[in-house]
């Protein structure tokens, strides 16, 4: 699917001043522009058909310039990539909607950080769970390069910045130098179980 802009413009008209809304974006940023004050859209909800079932999706309205609101969908789970038709109801009014959800391949590792101790060139066994938090299948490669850094790197960087003899922006340089000094190299993470699509 080609990349889409985060907010689809209002286009078309069905029933006079009731335009067809065009929602588009990645699963966590599907939104549309609506020519209404966001305060009048506080109870916005969208109903759409997903796999043959009607799904109610809450929405939030954010100010997007004078008299306009960006209406963003906030589904409990990522919507599958694809095109949908639905109906937005808010403030006692209703609008037909067309929704384009872009594909997002994204996995999250648990735990997100590991504290390890070992000799250089050695091998350590660790267990990491990968969870698909996108809306399309994710391929797990057989190996990854992962950065190694000393524990407490952010604490040391903050202290280095605050205690630096330099002033102003140079304090950020001292903090960045502390982060760079805490990097210990790169490790190869080999996946023994679960690699593939």
C-alpha atoms as a PDB file:
ATOM      1  CA  UNK A   1       0.000   0.000   0.000  1.00  0.00           C
ATOM      2  CA  UNK A   2       1.491   3.424  -0.906  1.00  0.00           C
ATOM      3  CA  UNK A   3       2.265   5.835   1.953  1.00  0.00           C
ATOM      4  CA  UNK A   4      -0.576   8.157   2.842  1.00  0.00           C
ATOM      5  CA  UNK A   5      -0.732  11.542   4.502  1.00  0.00           C
ATOM      6  CA  UNK A   6      -1.682  11.387   8.196  1.00  0.00           C
ATOM      7  CA  UNK A   7      -4.960  13.245   7.736  1.00  0.00           C
ATOM      8  CA  UNK A   8      -7.274  12.853   4.756  1.00  0.00           C
ATOM      9  CA  UNK A   9      -9.081  16.000   3.626  1.00  0.00           C
ATOM     10  CA  UNK A  10     -12.851  16.392   3.754  1.00  0.00           C
ATOM     11  CA  UNK A  11     -14.193  15.694   0.298  1.00  0.00           C
ATOM     12  CA  UNK A  12     -17.465  14.963  -1.429  1.00  0.00           C
ATOM     13  CA  UNK A  13     -20.897  15.738  -0.081  1.00  0.00           C
ATOM     14  CA  UNK A  14     -23.806  13.572   0.856  1.00  0.00           C
ATOM     15  CA  UNK A  15     -26.811  15.451   2.154  1.00  0.00           C
ATOM     16  CA  UNK A  16     -25.720  19.061   1.746  1.00  0.00           C
ATOM     17  CA  UNK A  17     -23.478  20.064   4.637  1.00  0.00           C
ATOM     18  CA  UNK A  18     -22.738  16.464   5.611  1.00  0.00           C
ATOM     19  CA  UNK A  19     -19.484  15.662   3.780  1.00  0.00           C
ATOM     20  CA  UNK A  20     -18.053  12.195   3.419  1.00  0.00           C
ATOM     21  CA  UNK A  21     -15.060  12.083   5.736  1.00  0.00           C
ATOM     22  CA  UNK A  22     -11.813  10.564   4.482  1.00  0.00           C
ATOM     23  CA  UNK A  23      -9.814   8.953   7.282  1.00  0.00           C
ATOM     24  CA  UNK A  24      -6.285   7.702   6.562  1.00  0.00           C
ATOM     25  CA  UNK A  25      -3.031   6.879   8.313  1.00  0.00           C
ATOM     26  CA  UNK A  26      -1.108   4.269  10.247  1.00  0.00           C
ATOM     27  CA  UNK A  27      -3.132   2.185  12.738  1.00  0.00           C
ATOM     28  CA  UNK A  28      -2.404   4.472  15.721  1.00  0.00           C
ATOM     29  CA  UNK A  29      -2.844   7.691  13.687  1.00  0.00           C
ATOM     30  CA  UNK A  30      -5.912   7.192  11.502  1.00  0.00           C
ATOM     31  CA  UNK A  31      -7.546  10.597  11.319  1.00  0.00           C
ATOM     32  CA  UNK A  32      -9.652  12.990   9.230  1.00  0.00           C
ATOM     33  CA  UNK A  33     -10.212  16.724   9.101  1.00  0.00           C
ATOM     34  CA  UNK A  34     -13.715  17.921   9.965  1.00  0.00           C
ATOM     35  CA  UNK A  35     -14.967  21.527   9.645  1.00  0.00           C
ATOM     36  CA  UNK A  36     -16.365  21.649  13.190  1.00  0.00           C
ATOM     37  CA  UNK A  37     -15.269  23.009  16.563  1.00  0.00           C
ATOM     38  CA  UNK A  38     -13.561  20.108  18.413  1.00  0.00           C
ATOM     39  CA  UNK A  39     -15.616  20.809  21.556  1.00  0.00           C
ATOM     40  CA  UNK A  40     -18.782  19.788  19.679  1.00  0.00           C
ATOM     41  CA  UNK A  41     -17.211  16.394  18.890  1.00  0.00           C
ATOM     42  CA  UNK A  42     -16.351  15.256  22.425  1.00  0.00           C
ATOM     43  CA  UNK A  43     -18.565  12.136  22.163  1.00  0.00           C
ATOM     44  CA  UNK A  44     -17.336  11.080  18.696  1.00  0.00           C
ATOM     45  CA  UNK A  45     -17.662   7.395  17.802  1.00  0.00           C
ATOM     46  CA  UNK A  46     -17.161   5.633  14.513  1.00  0.00           C
ATOM     47  CA  UNK A  47     -18.844   2.396  13.556  1.00  0.00           C
ATOM     48  CA  UNK A  48     -17.357   0.338  10.745  1.00  0.00           C
ATOM     49  CA  UNK A  49     -17.424  -3.156   9.318  1.00  0.00           C
ATOM     50  CA  UNK A  50     -14.377  -5.323  10.077  1.00  0.00           C
ATOM     51  CA  UNK A  51     -14.434  -8.965   8.924  1.00  0.00           C
ATOM     52  CA  UNK A  52     -18.229  -8.853   8.612  1.00  0.00           C
ATOM     53  CA  UNK A  53     -18.819  -7.473  12.101  1.00  0.00           C
ATOM     54  CA  UNK A  54     -19.765  -3.962  13.155  1.00  0.00           C
ATOM     55  CA  UNK A  55     -17.055  -2.478  15.356  1.00  0.00           C
ATOM     56  CA  UNK A  56     -17.517   0.697  17.417  1.00  0.00           C
ATOM     57  CA  UNK A  57     -14.301   2.710  17.516  1.00  0.00           C
ATOM     58  CA  UNK A  58     -13.950   5.655  19.925  1.00  0.00           C
ATOM     59  CA  UNK A  59     -12.427   8.842  18.546  1.00  0.00           C
ATOM     60  CA  UNK A  60     -10.914  12.016  19.922  1.00  0.00           C
ATOM     61  CA  UNK A  61     -11.173  15.477  18.402  1.00  0.00           C
ATOM     62  CA  UNK A  62      -8.145  17.767  18.424  1.00  0.00           C
ATOM     63  CA  UNK A  63      -8.069  21.425  17.390  1.00  0.00           C
ATOM     64  CA  UNK A  64      -6.730  21.810  13.844  1.00  0.00           C
ATOM     65  CA  UNK A  65      -7.106  25.517  13.150  1.00  0.00           C
ATOM     66  CA  UNK A  66     -10.058  27.889  13.501  1.00  0.00           C
ATOM     67  CA  UNK A  67     -13.343  26.004  13.227  1.00  0.00           C
ATOM     68  CA  UNK A  68     -11.709  22.682  12.312  1.00  0.00           C
ATOM     69  CA  UNK A  69     -10.982  19.477  14.188  1.00  0.00           C
ATOM     70  CA  UNK A  70      -8.706  16.531  13.471  1.00  0.00           C
ATOM     71  CA  UNK A  71     -10.743  13.485  14.461  1.00  0.00           C
ATOM     72  CA  UNK A  72      -8.417  10.608  15.394  1.00  0.00           C
ATOM     73  CA  UNK A  73      -9.573   7.026  15.867  1.00  0.00           C
ATOM     74  CA  UNK A  74      -8.453   5.289  19.071  1.00  0.00           C
ATOM     75  CA  UNK A  75      -9.239   1.577  18.608  1.00  0.00           C
ATOM     76  CA  UNK A  76      -8.487  -0.837  21.445  1.00  0.00           C
ATOM     77  CA  UNK A  77      -6.525  -3.020  19.000  1.00  0.00           C
ATOM     78  CA  UNK A  78      -4.801  -2.015  15.740  1.00  0.00           C
ATOM     79  CA  UNK A  79      -7.194  -2.044  12.789  1.00  0.00           C
ATOM     80  CA  UNK A  80      -6.149  -4.445  10.021  1.00  0.00           C
ATOM     81  CA  UNK A  81      -4.681  -2.721   6.969  1.00  0.00           C
ATOM     82  CA  UNK A  82      -7.262  -2.020   4.280  1.00  0.00           C
ATOM     83  CA  UNK A  83     -10.222   0.102   3.215  1.00  0.00           C
ATOM     84  CA  UNK A  84     -13.406   0.425   5.236  1.00  0.00           C
ATOM     85  CA  UNK A  85     -16.681   2.291   5.132  1.00  0.00           C
ATOM     86  CA  UNK A  86     -18.272   3.565   8.296  1.00  0.00           C
ATOM     87  CA  UNK A  87     -20.297   6.253   9.998  1.00  0.00           C
ATOM     88  CA  UNK A  88     -19.071   8.873  12.458  1.00  0.00           C
ATOM     89  CA  UNK A  89     -21.595  10.067  15.058  1.00  0.00           C
ATOM     90  CA  UNK A  90     -20.860  13.083  17.258  1.00  0.00           C
ATOM     91  CA  UNK A  91     -22.808  15.924  18.799  1.00  0.00           C
ATOM     92  CA  UNK A  92     -26.105  14.569  17.517  1.00  0.00           C
ATOM     93  CA  UNK A  93     -24.882  14.566  13.894  1.00  0.00           C
ATOM     94  CA  UNK A  94     -23.656  11.810  11.603  1.00  0.00           C
ATOM     95  CA  UNK A  95     -21.233  11.630   8.678  1.00  0.00           C
ATOM     96  CA  UNK A  96     -20.446   8.854   6.237  1.00  0.00           C
ATOM     97  CA  UNK A  97     -16.778   7.912   6.367  1.00  0.00           C
ATOM     98  CA  UNK A  98     -14.225   6.152   4.224  1.00  0.00           C
ATOM     99  CA  UNK A  99     -11.255   4.788   6.159  1.00  0.00           C
ATOM    100  CA  UNK A 100      -7.869   3.785   4.715  1.00  0.00           C
ATOM    101  CA  UNK A 101      -5.644   2.050   7.264  1.00  0.00           C
ATOM    102  CA  UNK A 102      -2.022   1.757   6.148  1.00  0.00           C
ATOM    103  CA  UNK A 103       0.041  -1.376   6.787  1.00  0.00           C
ATOM    104  CA  UNK A 104       2.441  -1.211   9.725  1.00  0.00           C
ATOM    105  CA  UNK A 105       4.875  -4.042  10.434  1.00  0.00           C
ATOM    106  CA  UNK A 106       6.071  -3.568  14.019  1.00  0.00           C
ATOM    107  CA  UNK A 107       7.169  -5.930  16.784  1.00  0.00           C
ATOM    108  CA  UNK A 108       7.949  -5.177  20.429  1.00  0.00           C
ATOM    109  CA  UNK A 109      10.506  -7.090  22.496  1.00  0.00           C
ATOM    110  CA  UNK A 110       9.843  -8.096  26.110  1.00  0.00           C
ATOM    111  CA  UNK A 111      11.764  -7.376  28.193  1.00  0.00           C
ATOM    112  CA  UNK A 112      12.715  -4.174  26.403  1.00  0.00           C
ATOM    113  CA  UNK A 113      16.074  -4.074  28.148  1.00  0.00           C
ATOM    114  CA  UNK A 114      18.388  -6.794  29.437  1.00  0.00           C
ATOM    115  CA  UNK A 115      21.133  -6.497  32.049  1.00  0.00           C
ATOM    116  CA  UNK A 116      23.871  -8.958  31.130  1.00  0.00           C
ATOM    117  CA  UNK A 117      27.395  -9.682  32.264  1.00  0.00           C
ATOM    118  CA  UNK A 118      29.852 -11.774  30.293  1.00  0.00           C
ATOM    119  CA  UNK A 119      33.310 -11.971  28.786  1.00  0.00           C
ATOM    120  CA  UNK A 120      34.062 -10.532  25.359  1.00  0.00           C
ATOM    121  CA  UNK A 121      33.610 -13.118  22.606  1.00  0.00           C
ATOM    122  CA  UNK A 122      31.489 -15.303  24.887  1.00  0.00           C
ATOM    123  CA  UNK A 123      27.905 -16.506  24.433  1.00  0.00           C
ATOM    124  CA  UNK A 124      24.979 -15.821  26.760  1.00  0.00           C
ATOM    125  CA  UNK A 125      21.571 -17.494  26.622  1.00  0.00           C
ATOM    126  CA  UNK A 126      18.629 -15.122  27.080  1.00  0.00           C
ATOM    127  CA  UNK A 127      14.902 -15.426  26.500  1.00  0.00           C
ATOM    128  CA  UNK A 128      13.127 -12.568  24.738  1.00  0.00           C
ATOM    129  CA  UNK A 129       9.486 -12.573  23.635  1.00  0.00           C
ATOM    130  CA  UNK A 130       8.542 -10.696  20.470  1.00  0.00           C
ATOM    131  CA  UNK A 131       4.949  -9.514  20.152  1.00  0.00           C
ATOM    132  CA  UNK A 132       3.429  -8.282  16.904  1.00  0.00           C
ATOM    133  CA  UNK A 133       1.979  -4.858  17.742  1.00  0.00           C
ATOM    134  CA  UNK A 134       1.384  -3.863  14.112  1.00  0.00           C
ATOM    135  CA  UNK A 135      -1.466  -4.808  11.813  1.00  0.00           C
ATOM    136  CA  UNK A 136       0.326  -7.090   9.321  1.00  0.00           C
ATOM    137  CA  UNK A 137       2.563 -10.159   9.764  1.00  0.00           C
ATOM    138  CA  UNK A 138       6.141  -9.439  10.866  1.00  0.00           C
ATOM    139  CA  UNK A 139       9.102 -11.511   9.724  1.00  0.00           C
ATOM    140  CA  UNK A 140      11.565 -12.428  12.471  1.00  0.00           C
ATOM    141  CA  UNK A 141      15.082 -12.621  11.023  1.00  0.00           C
ATOM    142  CA  UNK A 142      17.476 -15.360  12.181  1.00  0.00           C
ATOM    143  CA  UNK A 143      19.942 -12.802  13.605  1.00  0.00           C
ATOM    144  CA  UNK A 144      20.151  -9.160  14.672  1.00  0.00           C
ATOM    145  CA  UNK A 145      22.889  -6.732  15.660  1.00  0.00           C
ATOM    146  CA  UNK A 146      22.107  -5.119  19.017  1.00  0.00           C
ATOM    147  CA  UNK A 147      23.984  -2.305  20.771  1.00  0.00           C
ATOM    148  CA  UNK A 148      25.595  -2.889  24.162  1.00  0.00           C
ATOM    149  CA  UNK A 149      25.939  -0.120  26.716  1.00  0.00           C
ATOM    150  CA  UNK A 150      26.957   0.105  30.327  1.00  0.00           C
ATOM    151  CA  UNK A 151      24.205   0.131  32.949  1.00  0.00           C
ATOM    152  CA  UNK A 152      23.112   3.563  34.177  1.00  0.00           C
ATOM    153  CA  UNK A 153      24.117   5.397  31.006  1.00  0.00           C
ATOM    154  CA  UNK A 154      21.299   7.961  31.170  1.00  0.00           C
ATOM    155  CA  UNK A 155      21.938   8.775  34.822  1.00  0.00           C
ATOM    156  CA  UNK A 156      25.613   9.388  34.104  1.00  0.00           C
ATOM    157  CA  UNK A 157      24.769  11.528  31.054  1.00  0.00           C
ATOM    158  CA  UNK A 158      22.423  13.751  33.077  1.00  0.00           C
ATOM    159  CA  UNK A 159      25.006  14.196  35.821  1.00  0.00           C
ATOM    160  CA  UNK A 160      27.704  14.980  33.225  1.00  0.00           C
ATOM    161  CA  UNK A 161      25.491  17.615  31.640  1.00  0.00           C
ATOM    162  CA  UNK A 162      24.499  19.250  34.929  1.00  0.00           C
ATOM    163  CA  UNK A 163      28.007  19.304  36.349  1.00  0.00           C
ATOM    164  CA  UNK A 164      29.737  20.420  33.148  1.00  0.00           C
ATOM    165  CA  UNK A 165      31.898  23.553  33.403  1.00  0.00           C
ATOM    166  CA  UNK A 166      30.480  24.566  30.042  1.00  0.00           C
ATOM    167  CA  UNK A 167      27.274  26.559  29.887  1.00  0.00           C
ATOM    168  CA  UNK A 168      24.269  26.652  27.561  1.00  0.00           C
ATOM    169  CA  UNK A 169      24.157  24.225  24.664  1.00  0.00           C
ATOM    170  CA  UNK A 170      27.623  22.844  25.507  1.00  0.00           C
ATOM    171  CA  UNK A 171      26.040  21.025  28.470  1.00  0.00           C
ATOM    172  CA  UNK A 172      24.178  18.867  25.930  1.00  0.00           C
ATOM    173  CA  UNK A 173      27.547  18.058  24.355  1.00  0.00           C
ATOM    174  CA  UNK A 174      28.877  16.842  27.701  1.00  0.00           C
ATOM    175  CA  UNK A 175      25.808  14.635  28.145  1.00  0.00           C
ATOM    176  CA  UNK A 176      26.203  13.232  24.618  1.00  0.00           C
ATOM    177  CA  UNK A 177      29.896  12.503  25.260  1.00  0.00           C
ATOM    178  CA  UNK A 178      28.940  10.562  28.405  1.00  0.00           C
ATOM    179  CA  UNK A 179      26.474   8.462  26.394  1.00  0.00           C
ATOM    180  CA  UNK A 180      29.094   7.768  23.714  1.00  0.00           C
ATOM    181  CA  UNK A 181      31.649   6.718  26.348  1.00  0.00           C
ATOM    182  CA  UNK A 182      29.151   4.210  27.777  1.00  0.00           C
ATOM    183  CA  UNK A 183      28.751   2.296  24.510  1.00  0.00           C
ATOM    184  CA  UNK A 184      30.397  -1.108  24.758  1.00  0.00           C
ATOM    185  CA  UNK A 185      30.064  -2.288  21.182  1.00  0.00           C
ATOM    186  CA  UNK A 186      27.641  -4.472  19.268  1.00  0.00           C
ATOM    187  CA  UNK A 187      26.501  -8.018  19.929  1.00  0.00           C
ATOM    188  CA  UNK A 188      24.998 -10.577  17.562  1.00  0.00           C
ATOM    189  CA  UNK A 189      21.594 -11.811  18.690  1.00  0.00           C
ATOM    190  CA  UNK A 190      20.876 -15.214  17.106  1.00  0.00           C
ATOM    191  CA  UNK A 191      17.253 -16.391  17.077  1.00  0.00           C
ATOM    192  CA  UNK A 192      17.126 -20.130  17.740  1.00  0.00           C
ATOM    193  CA  UNK A 193      13.351 -20.563  17.868  1.00  0.00           C
ATOM    194  CA  UNK A 194      10.618 -18.617  16.132  1.00  0.00           C
ATOM    195  CA  UNK A 195      12.454 -17.118  13.155  1.00  0.00           C
ATOM    196  CA  UNK A 196      10.426 -16.698   9.978  1.00  0.00           C
ATOM    197  CA  UNK A 197       7.274 -14.927   8.794  1.00  0.00           C
END
